[in-house]
Amino acid sequence: MSATIWYSSFSRGIYYLSLVGSLLYATQTRPDIQFFVNLIAQFSGNPGIPHLEAAKRILRYLKSTQEFSLVLGRQGRVSQMVTYYL
């Protein structure tokens, strides 16, 4: 089995650039993943299986930490920034 076919079967139709773009959008409210998303975005030109595995790991992390977020905007009468982290 060639590497291209194996990668295609491993990725199961996930478009790497679309996934990285979505993760970059998520960094606006989740700055804790910013470094790792930037790291996998550097390999957008020629992604391999380790890069796709790293992107999937970031998605699993986001799923397990949904209650942590960065809220920007007004709450009540005073504008304030509220963050939730461990």
C-alpha atoms as a PDB file:
ATOM      1  CA  MET A   1       0.000   0.000   0.000  1.00  0.00           C
ATOM      2  CA  SER A   2       1.479   3.343  -0.996  1.00  0.00           C
ATOM      3  CA  ALA A   3       1.880   6.153   1.517  1.00  0.00           C
ATOM      4  CA  THR A   4      -0.629   8.381  -0.288  1.00  0.00           C
ATOM      5  CA  ILE A   5      -3.367   5.774  -0.177  1.00  0.00           C
ATOM      6  CA  TRP A   6      -2.607   4.999   3.467  1.00  0.00           C
ATOM      7  CA  TYR A   7      -2.737   8.707   4.379  1.00  0.00           C
ATOM      8  CA  SER A   8      -6.036   9.078   2.532  1.00  0.00           C
ATOM      9  CA  SER A   9      -7.553   6.175   4.422  1.00  0.00           C
ATOM     10  CA  PHE A  10      -6.155   7.536   7.705  1.00  0.00           C
ATOM     11  CA  SER A  11      -7.504  11.048   7.171  1.00  0.00           C
ATOM     12  CA  ARG A  12     -11.016   9.764   6.280  1.00  0.00           C
ATOM     13  CA  GLY A  13     -11.806  12.783   4.112  1.00  0.00           C
ATOM     14  CA  ILE A  14     -10.661  15.414   6.612  1.00  0.00           C
ATOM     15  CA  TYR A  15      -9.311  18.399   4.737  1.00  0.00           C
ATOM     16  CA  TYR A  16      -6.194  19.468   6.596  1.00  0.00           C
ATOM     17  CA  LEU A  17      -6.280  23.134   5.549  1.00  0.00           C
ATOM     18  CA  SER A  18      -9.922  23.458   6.534  1.00  0.00           C
ATOM     19  CA  LEU A  19      -9.207  21.859   9.888  1.00  0.00           C
ATOM     20  CA  VAL A  20      -6.244  24.163  10.542  1.00  0.00           C
ATOM     21  CA  GLY A  21      -8.323  27.182   9.516  1.00  0.00           C
ATOM     22  CA  SER A  22     -11.047  26.205  11.956  1.00  0.00           C
ATOM     23  CA  LEU A  23      -8.492  25.752  14.721  1.00  0.00           C
ATOM     24  CA  LEU A  24      -6.973  29.159  13.939  1.00  0.00           C
ATOM     25  CA  TYR A  25     -10.453  30.670  14.291  1.00  0.00           C
ATOM     26  CA  ALA A  26     -10.866  28.908  17.646  1.00  0.00           C
ATOM     27  CA  THR A  27      -7.671  30.528  18.980  1.00  0.00           C
ATOM     28  CA  GLN A  28      -9.556  33.830  19.263  1.00  0.00           C
ATOM     29  CA  THR A  29     -11.339  32.565  22.349  1.00  0.00           C
ATOM     30  CA  ARG A  30      -8.904  29.796  23.307  1.00  0.00           C
ATOM     31  CA  PRO A  31      -5.396  31.309  23.533  1.00  0.00           C
ATOM     32  CA  ASP A  32      -4.157  28.177  25.329  1.00  0.00           C
ATOM     33  CA  ILE A  33      -4.021  26.293  21.987  1.00  0.00           C
ATOM     34  CA  GLN A  34      -2.449  29.101  19.986  1.00  0.00           C
ATOM     35  CA  PHE A  35       1.126  27.780  20.037  1.00  0.00           C
ATOM     36  CA  PHE A  36       0.171  24.274  18.966  1.00  0.00           C
ATOM     37  CA  VAL A  37      -2.180  25.429  16.209  1.00  0.00           C
ATOM     38  CA  ASN A  38       0.554  27.712  14.868  1.00  0.00           C
ATOM     39  CA  LEU A  39       2.944  24.766  14.930  1.00  0.00           C
ATOM     40  CA  ILE A  40       0.699  22.503  12.833  1.00  0.00           C
ATOM     41  CA  ALA A  41      -0.208  25.397  10.514  1.00  0.00           C
ATOM     42  CA  GLN A  42       3.444  25.597   9.467  1.00  0.00           C
ATOM     43  CA  PHE A  43       3.058  22.211   7.768  1.00  0.00           C
ATOM     44  CA  SER A  44       0.000  23.140   5.673  1.00  0.00           C
ATOM     45  CA  GLY A  45       1.969  22.825   2.464  1.00  0.00           C
ATOM     46  CA  ASN A  46       2.890  19.177   2.970  1.00  0.00           C
ATOM     47  CA  PRO A  47       1.024  17.659   5.931  1.00  0.00           C
ATOM     48  CA  GLY A  48       1.800  14.156   7.046  1.00  0.00           C
ATOM     49  CA  ILE A  49       0.194  11.692   9.374  1.00  0.00           C
ATOM     50  CA  PRO A  50       1.869  13.117  12.528  1.00  0.00           C
ATOM     51  CA  HIS A  51       0.452  16.561  11.691  1.00  0.00           C
ATOM     52  CA  LEU A  52      -3.052  15.196  11.256  1.00  0.00           C
ATOM     53  CA  GLU A  53      -2.689  13.260  14.505  1.00  0.00           C
ATOM     54  CA  ALA A  54      -1.639  16.482  16.276  1.00  0.00           C
ATOM     55  CA  ALA A  55      -4.653  18.339  14.851  1.00  0.00           C
ATOM     56  CA  LYS A  56      -6.963  15.563  16.021  1.00  0.00           C
ATOM     57  CA  ARG A  57      -5.353  15.707  19.470  1.00  0.00           C
ATOM     58  CA  ILE A  58      -6.082  19.451  19.644  1.00  0.00           C
ATOM     59  CA  LEU A  59      -9.718  18.731  18.732  1.00  0.00           C
ATOM     60  CA  ARG A  60      -9.940  16.128  21.500  1.00  0.00           C
ATOM     61  CA  TYR A  61      -8.456  18.650  23.951  1.00  0.00           C
ATOM     62  CA  LEU A  62     -11.026  21.257  22.921  1.00  0.00           C
ATOM     63  CA  LYS A  63     -13.832  18.754  23.357  1.00  0.00           C
ATOM     64  CA  SER A  64     -12.670  17.810  26.854  1.00  0.00           C
ATOM     65  CA  THR A  65     -12.263  21.447  27.973  1.00  0.00           C
ATOM     66  CA  GLN A  66     -15.429  23.023  26.590  1.00  0.00           C
ATOM     67  CA  GLU A  67     -16.179  24.780  29.877  1.00  0.00           C
ATOM     68  CA  PHE A  68     -12.963  26.828  29.643  1.00  0.00           C
ATOM     69  CA  SER A  69     -13.311  29.932  27.516  1.00  0.00           C
ATOM     70  CA  LEU A  70     -12.419  33.561  27.118  1.00  0.00           C
ATOM     71  CA  VAL A  71     -15.439  35.873  27.162  1.00  0.00           C
ATOM     72  CA  LEU A  72     -14.941  39.241  25.529  1.00  0.00           C
ATOM     73  CA  GLY A  73     -17.571  41.934  25.781  1.00  0.00           C
ATOM     74  CA  ARG A  74     -19.902  43.501  28.261  1.00  0.00           C
ATOM     75  CA  GLN A  75     -21.372  41.882  31.302  1.00  0.00           C
ATOM     76  CA  GLY A  76     -23.777  44.229  32.994  1.00  0.00           C
ATOM     77  CA  ARG A  77     -22.981  47.930  32.797  1.00  0.00           C
ATOM     78  CA  VAL A  78     -19.196  47.694  33.021  1.00  0.00           C
ATOM     79  CA  SER A  79     -17.114  46.326  30.170  1.00  0.00           C
ATOM     80  CA  GLN A  80     -14.840  43.602  31.466  1.00  0.00           C
ATOM     81  CA  MET A  81     -12.900  40.590  30.302  1.00  0.00           C
ATOM     82  CA  VAL A  82     -13.605  37.286  32.032  1.00  0.00           C
ATOM     83  CA  THR A  83     -11.310  34.284  31.672  1.00  0.00           C
ATOM     84  CA  TYR A  84     -11.708  30.751  32.906  1.00  0.00           C
ATOM     85  CA  TYR A  85      -8.620  28.585  33.251  1.00  0.00           C
ATOM     86  CA  LEU A  86      -7.291  26.072  35.695  1.00  0.00           C
END
